[in-house]
């Protein structure tokens, strides 16, 4: 995930969490206990998005500072390629030239 995507998650989470506080007229309280399911849902999802975006943004910005690179960027030797289907055939040197049938 790019830093701009993580920043988008963080901002979206903050907006979702602040919507019930900024616009209380759109979230009327329930008569029974004074809560509102929409406000609670926006608060929960806003918190999840903000925490996710903030954590991804922080790790993306701290990783170069700590000297760590993602696994995809590490220079490693390639894994050996296994070809079990070729075990039954003679090596190319022993097989000789191939002739096409006319």
N, C-alpha and C. Protein backbone atom coordinates (compact mmCIF):
# COMPACT_ATOMS: atom_id res chain seq x y z
N UNK A 1 0.84 -1.16 0.00
CA UNK A 1 0.00 0.00 0.00
C UNK A 1 0.89 1.23 0.00
N UNK A 2 0.56 2.17 -0.84
CA UNK A 2 1.33 3.41 -0.93
C UNK A 2 0.98 4.32 0.23
N UNK A 3 1.85 5.29 0.48
CA UNK A 3 1.62 6.24 1.56
C UNK A 3 0.37 7.07 1.32
N UNK A 4 0.08 7.38 0.06
CA UNK A 4 -1.12 8.17 -0.21
C UNK A 4 -2.39 7.38 0.12
N UNK A 5 -2.37 6.06 -0.11
CA UNK A 5 -3.52 5.23 0.25
C UNK A 5 -3.70 5.18 1.76
N UNK A 6 -2.60 5.01 2.48
CA UNK A 6 -2.68 4.97 3.94
C UNK A 6 -3.15 6.31 4.50
N UNK A 7 -2.69 7.40 3.90
CA UNK A 7 -3.15 8.72 4.34
C UNK A 7 -4.64 8.89 4.06
N UNK A 8 -5.12 8.34 2.95
CA UNK A 8 -6.54 8.39 2.64
C UNK A 8 -7.37 7.63 3.66
N UNK A 9 -6.89 6.44 4.08
CA UNK A 9 -7.58 5.68 5.12
C UNK A 9 -7.62 6.47 6.43
N UNK A 10 -6.52 7.10 6.77
CA UNK A 10 -6.46 7.87 8.01
C UNK A 10 -7.43 9.04 7.98
N UNK A 11 -7.45 9.79 6.89
CA UNK A 11 -8.34 10.95 6.78
C UNK A 11 -9.80 10.50 6.75
N UNK A 12 -10.09 9.43 5.99
CA UNK A 12 -11.46 8.92 5.95
C UNK A 12 -11.93 8.48 7.33
N UNK A 13 -11.06 7.82 8.08
CA UNK A 13 -11.42 7.41 9.43
C UNK A 13 -11.70 8.58 10.34
N UNK A 14 -10.89 9.62 10.22
CA UNK A 14 -11.12 10.81 11.05
C UNK A 14 -12.42 11.50 10.67
N UNK A 15 -12.73 11.55 9.38
CA UNK A 15 -13.98 12.18 8.94
C UNK A 15 -15.18 11.36 9.41
N UNK A 16 -15.11 10.04 9.27
CA UNK A 16 -16.21 9.19 9.73
C UNK A 16 -16.45 9.33 11.23
N UNK A 17 -15.36 9.36 11.99
CA UNK A 17 -15.50 9.48 13.43
C UNK A 17 -15.99 10.84 13.87
N UNK A 18 -15.68 11.88 13.11
CA UNK A 18 -16.08 13.23 13.50
C UNK A 18 -17.46 13.61 13.00
N UNK A 19 -18.02 12.85 12.06
CA UNK A 19 -19.33 13.21 11.48
C UNK A 19 -20.44 13.28 12.53
N UNK A 20 -20.59 12.30 13.43
CA UNK A 20 -21.66 12.42 14.44
C UNK A 20 -21.45 13.59 15.41
N UNK A 21 -20.21 13.97 15.64
CA UNK A 21 -19.94 15.08 16.55
C UNK A 21 -20.19 16.41 15.86
N UNK A 22 -19.80 16.49 14.58
CA UNK A 22 -19.95 17.74 13.84
C UNK A 22 -21.39 18.00 13.41
N UNK A 23 -22.13 16.95 13.12
CA UNK A 23 -23.50 17.09 12.63
C UNK A 23 -24.46 16.26 13.49
N UNK A 24 -24.71 16.66 14.73
CA UNK A 24 -25.58 15.86 15.60
C UNK A 24 -27.04 15.85 15.15
N UNK A 25 -27.45 16.82 14.33
CA UNK A 25 -28.84 16.84 13.88
C UNK A 25 -29.17 15.70 12.93
N UNK A 26 -28.15 15.13 12.29
CA UNK A 26 -28.38 13.98 11.40
C UNK A 26 -28.41 12.65 12.17
N UNK A 27 -28.07 12.68 13.44
CA UNK A 27 -28.03 11.47 14.26
C UNK A 27 -28.86 11.66 15.52
N UNK A 28 -30.18 11.63 15.40
CA UNK A 28 -31.03 11.86 16.57
C UNK A 28 -30.90 10.71 17.57
N UNK A 29 -30.95 11.03 18.86
CA UNK A 29 -30.81 9.97 19.87
C UNK A 29 -32.05 9.08 19.92
N UNK A 30 -31.81 7.83 20.27
CA UNK A 30 -32.88 6.86 20.44
C UNK A 30 -33.67 7.22 21.70
N UNK A 31 -34.97 6.99 21.67
CA UNK A 31 -35.82 7.35 22.81
C UNK A 31 -35.54 6.46 24.02
N UNK A 32 -35.12 5.22 23.77
CA UNK A 32 -34.96 4.28 24.88
C UNK A 32 -33.67 4.54 25.67
N UNK A 33 -32.54 4.60 24.99
CA UNK A 33 -31.28 4.74 25.73
C UNK A 33 -30.43 5.93 25.30
N UNK A 34 -30.89 6.73 24.34
CA UNK A 34 -30.17 7.93 23.94
C UNK A 34 -29.05 7.70 22.95
N UNK A 35 -28.88 6.48 22.47
CA UNK A 35 -27.82 6.21 21.51
C UNK A 35 -28.38 6.23 20.09
N UNK A 36 -27.49 6.16 19.12
CA UNK A 36 -27.89 6.11 17.72
C UNK A 36 -27.00 5.08 17.03
N UNK A 37 -27.63 4.11 16.37
CA UNK A 37 -26.86 3.03 15.74
C UNK A 37 -25.96 3.56 14.63
N UNK A 38 -26.44 4.54 13.89
CA UNK A 38 -25.62 5.10 12.80
C UNK A 38 -24.38 5.80 13.36
N UNK A 39 -24.56 6.54 14.42
CA UNK A 39 -23.42 7.24 15.03
C UNK A 39 -22.43 6.24 15.60
N UNK A 40 -22.94 5.20 16.24
CA UNK A 40 -22.03 4.18 16.78
C UNK A 40 -21.27 3.47 15.67
N UNK A 41 -21.97 3.15 14.58
CA UNK A 41 -21.32 2.46 13.46
C UNK A 41 -20.25 3.35 12.81
N UNK A 42 -20.58 4.64 12.60
CA UNK A 42 -19.59 5.54 12.02
C UNK A 42 -18.40 5.73 12.95
N UNK A 43 -18.66 5.77 14.25
CA UNK A 43 -17.55 5.89 15.20
C UNK A 43 -16.65 4.66 15.19
N UNK A 44 -17.27 3.48 15.13
CA UNK A 44 -16.48 2.25 15.10
C UNK A 44 -15.68 2.13 13.82
N UNK A 45 -16.34 2.31 12.67
CA UNK A 45 -15.64 2.18 11.40
C UNK A 45 -14.63 3.30 11.19
N UNK A 46 -14.92 4.48 11.70
CA UNK A 46 -13.95 5.56 11.64
C UNK A 46 -12.71 5.23 12.44
N UNK A 47 -12.91 4.65 13.61
CA UNK A 47 -11.75 4.24 14.41
C UNK A 47 -10.93 3.16 13.75
N UNK A 48 -11.60 2.17 13.15
CA UNK A 48 -10.89 1.09 12.47
C UNK A 48 -10.09 1.65 11.29
N UNK A 49 -10.72 2.49 10.47
CA UNK A 49 -10.01 3.07 9.32
C UNK A 49 -8.85 3.96 9.77
N UNK A 50 -9.06 4.76 10.80
CA UNK A 50 -8.00 5.65 11.26
C UNK A 50 -6.83 4.86 11.83
N UNK A 51 -7.11 3.82 12.59
CA UNK A 51 -6.02 3.01 13.16
C UNK A 51 -5.27 2.28 12.05
N UNK A 52 -6.00 1.70 11.10
CA UNK A 52 -5.36 1.00 10.00
C UNK A 52 -4.51 1.94 9.16
N UNK A 53 -5.08 3.07 8.77
CA UNK A 53 -4.32 4.03 7.97
C UNK A 53 -3.13 4.60 8.71
N UNK A 54 -3.32 4.92 9.98
CA UNK A 54 -2.21 5.45 10.78
C UNK A 54 -1.09 4.45 10.96
N UNK A 55 -1.46 3.19 11.20
CA UNK A 55 -0.43 2.16 11.38
C UNK A 55 0.34 1.91 10.08
N UNK A 56 -0.38 1.85 8.97
CA UNK A 56 0.30 1.64 7.69
C UNK A 56 1.15 2.83 7.31
N UNK A 57 0.67 4.02 7.59
CA UNK A 57 1.44 5.21 7.30
C UNK A 57 2.70 5.27 8.18
N UNK A 58 2.54 4.94 9.44
CA UNK A 58 3.69 4.97 10.35
C UNK A 58 4.73 3.92 9.96
N UNK A 59 4.30 2.70 9.65
CA UNK A 59 5.28 1.68 9.27
C UNK A 59 5.92 2.00 7.94
N UNK A 60 5.16 2.59 7.02
CA UNK A 60 5.75 2.97 5.73
C UNK A 60 6.77 4.08 5.86
N UNK A 61 6.57 4.98 6.82
CA UNK A 61 7.50 6.08 7.01
C UNK A 61 8.67 5.68 7.92
N UNK A 62 8.44 4.75 8.83
CA UNK A 62 9.51 4.34 9.75
C UNK A 62 10.42 3.27 9.17
N UNK A 63 9.93 2.49 8.22
CA UNK A 63 10.72 1.39 7.67
C UNK A 63 12.03 1.88 7.06
N UNK A 64 12.05 2.93 6.22
CA UNK A 64 13.34 3.39 5.71
C UNK A 64 14.25 3.95 6.80
N UNK A 65 13.65 4.56 7.80
CA UNK A 65 14.44 5.12 8.88
C UNK A 65 15.12 4.02 9.70
N UNK A 66 14.44 2.89 9.86
CA UNK A 66 15.00 1.77 10.60
C UNK A 66 15.94 0.93 9.74
N UNK A 67 15.97 1.17 8.46
CA UNK A 67 16.86 0.42 7.58
C UNK A 67 16.28 -0.90 7.12
N UNK A 68 15.01 -1.11 7.29
CA UNK A 68 14.37 -2.35 6.85
C UNK A 68 13.71 -2.12 5.51
N UNK A 69 13.73 -3.17 4.70
CA UNK A 69 13.07 -3.11 3.40
C UNK A 69 12.03 -4.20 3.33
N UNK A 70 10.99 -3.99 2.55
CA UNK A 70 10.00 -5.06 2.36
C UNK A 70 10.64 -6.28 1.72
N UNK A 71 10.02 -7.42 1.91
CA UNK A 71 10.58 -8.66 1.40
C UNK A 71 10.72 -8.64 -0.12
N UNK A 72 9.84 -7.94 -0.81
CA UNK A 72 9.91 -7.90 -2.28
C UNK A 72 11.12 -7.12 -2.77
N UNK A 73 11.66 -6.23 -1.95
CA UNK A 73 12.79 -5.42 -2.38
C UNK A 73 14.13 -6.02 -1.98
N UNK A 74 14.14 -7.04 -1.17
CA UNK A 74 15.39 -7.63 -0.73
C UNK A 74 16.07 -8.37 -1.87
N UNK A 75 17.38 -8.24 -1.93
CA UNK A 75 18.13 -8.94 -2.97
C UNK A 75 18.48 -10.34 -2.44
N UNK A 76 17.77 -11.32 -2.92
CA UNK A 76 18.01 -12.69 -2.51
C UNK A 76 18.27 -13.54 -3.73
N UNK A 77 18.90 -14.68 -3.52
CA UNK A 77 19.12 -15.60 -4.62
C UNK A 77 17.79 -16.22 -5.01
N UNK A 78 17.59 -16.41 -6.30
CA UNK A 78 16.33 -17.04 -6.70
C UNK A 78 16.27 -18.50 -6.26
N UNK A 79 15.08 -18.95 -6.02
CA UNK A 79 14.88 -20.34 -5.60
C UNK A 79 15.19 -21.27 -6.77
N UNK A 80 15.70 -22.47 -6.49
CA UNK A 80 15.97 -23.39 -7.59
C UNK A 80 14.67 -23.83 -8.27
N UNK A 81 14.76 -24.00 -9.57
CA UNK A 81 13.60 -24.43 -10.33
C UNK A 81 13.62 -25.94 -10.42
N UNK A 82 12.58 -26.56 -9.95
CA UNK A 82 12.48 -28.00 -9.98
C UNK A 82 11.71 -28.42 -11.21
N UNK A 83 12.23 -29.40 -11.94
CA UNK A 83 11.56 -29.88 -13.14
C UNK A 83 11.44 -31.40 -13.07
N UNK A 84 10.51 -31.89 -12.27
CA UNK A 84 10.39 -33.34 -12.14
C UNK A 84 9.87 -34.00 -13.41
N UNK A 85 9.22 -33.29 -14.29
CA UNK A 85 8.69 -33.90 -15.50
C UNK A 85 9.80 -34.27 -16.47
N UNK A 86 10.97 -33.66 -16.35
CA UNK A 86 12.06 -33.92 -17.27
C UNK A 86 12.98 -35.04 -16.79
N UNK A 87 12.69 -35.66 -15.65
CA UNK A 87 13.57 -36.70 -15.12
C UNK A 87 13.63 -37.94 -16.00
N UNK A 88 12.56 -38.27 -16.70
CA UNK A 88 12.51 -39.50 -17.48
C UNK A 88 13.16 -39.39 -18.84
N UNK A 89 13.54 -38.20 -19.27
CA UNK A 89 14.12 -38.01 -20.60
C UNK A 89 15.63 -37.98 -20.52
N UNK A 90 16.31 -38.43 -21.57
CA UNK A 90 17.78 -38.35 -21.56
C UNK A 90 18.21 -36.89 -21.71
N UNK A 91 19.40 -36.56 -21.23
CA UNK A 91 19.88 -35.19 -21.40
C UNK A 91 19.98 -34.83 -22.88
N UNK A 92 19.97 -33.55 -23.16
CA UNK A 92 19.97 -33.08 -24.54
C UNK A 92 21.22 -33.51 -25.30
N UNK A 93 22.38 -33.63 -24.62
CA UNK A 93 23.62 -34.01 -25.28
C UNK A 93 23.56 -35.46 -25.76
N UNK A 94 22.93 -36.33 -25.01
CA UNK A 94 22.88 -37.74 -25.36
C UNK A 94 21.78 -38.06 -26.37
N UNK A 95 20.80 -37.22 -26.49
CA UNK A 95 19.67 -37.52 -27.35
C UNK A 95 20.03 -37.45 -28.82
N UNK A 96 21.02 -36.66 -29.19
CA UNK A 96 21.39 -36.53 -30.59
C UNK A 96 20.49 -35.53 -31.31
N UNK A 97 20.78 -35.27 -32.58
CA UNK A 97 19.98 -34.30 -33.32
C UNK A 97 18.60 -34.83 -33.59
N UNK A 98 17.65 -33.94 -33.65
CA UNK A 98 16.28 -34.32 -33.95
C UNK A 98 16.07 -34.22 -35.46
N UNK A 99 15.37 -35.18 -36.00
CA UNK A 99 15.05 -35.14 -37.43
C UNK A 99 13.56 -35.07 -37.59
N UNK A 100 13.18 -34.23 -38.52
CA UNK A 100 11.78 -34.07 -38.80
C UNK A 100 11.35 -35.08 -39.85
N UNK A 101 10.19 -35.67 -39.67
CA UNK A 101 9.68 -36.61 -40.66
C UNK A 101 9.14 -35.83 -41.84
N UNK A 102 9.42 -36.35 -43.03
CA UNK A 102 9.00 -35.65 -44.25
C UNK A 102 7.56 -35.94 -44.59
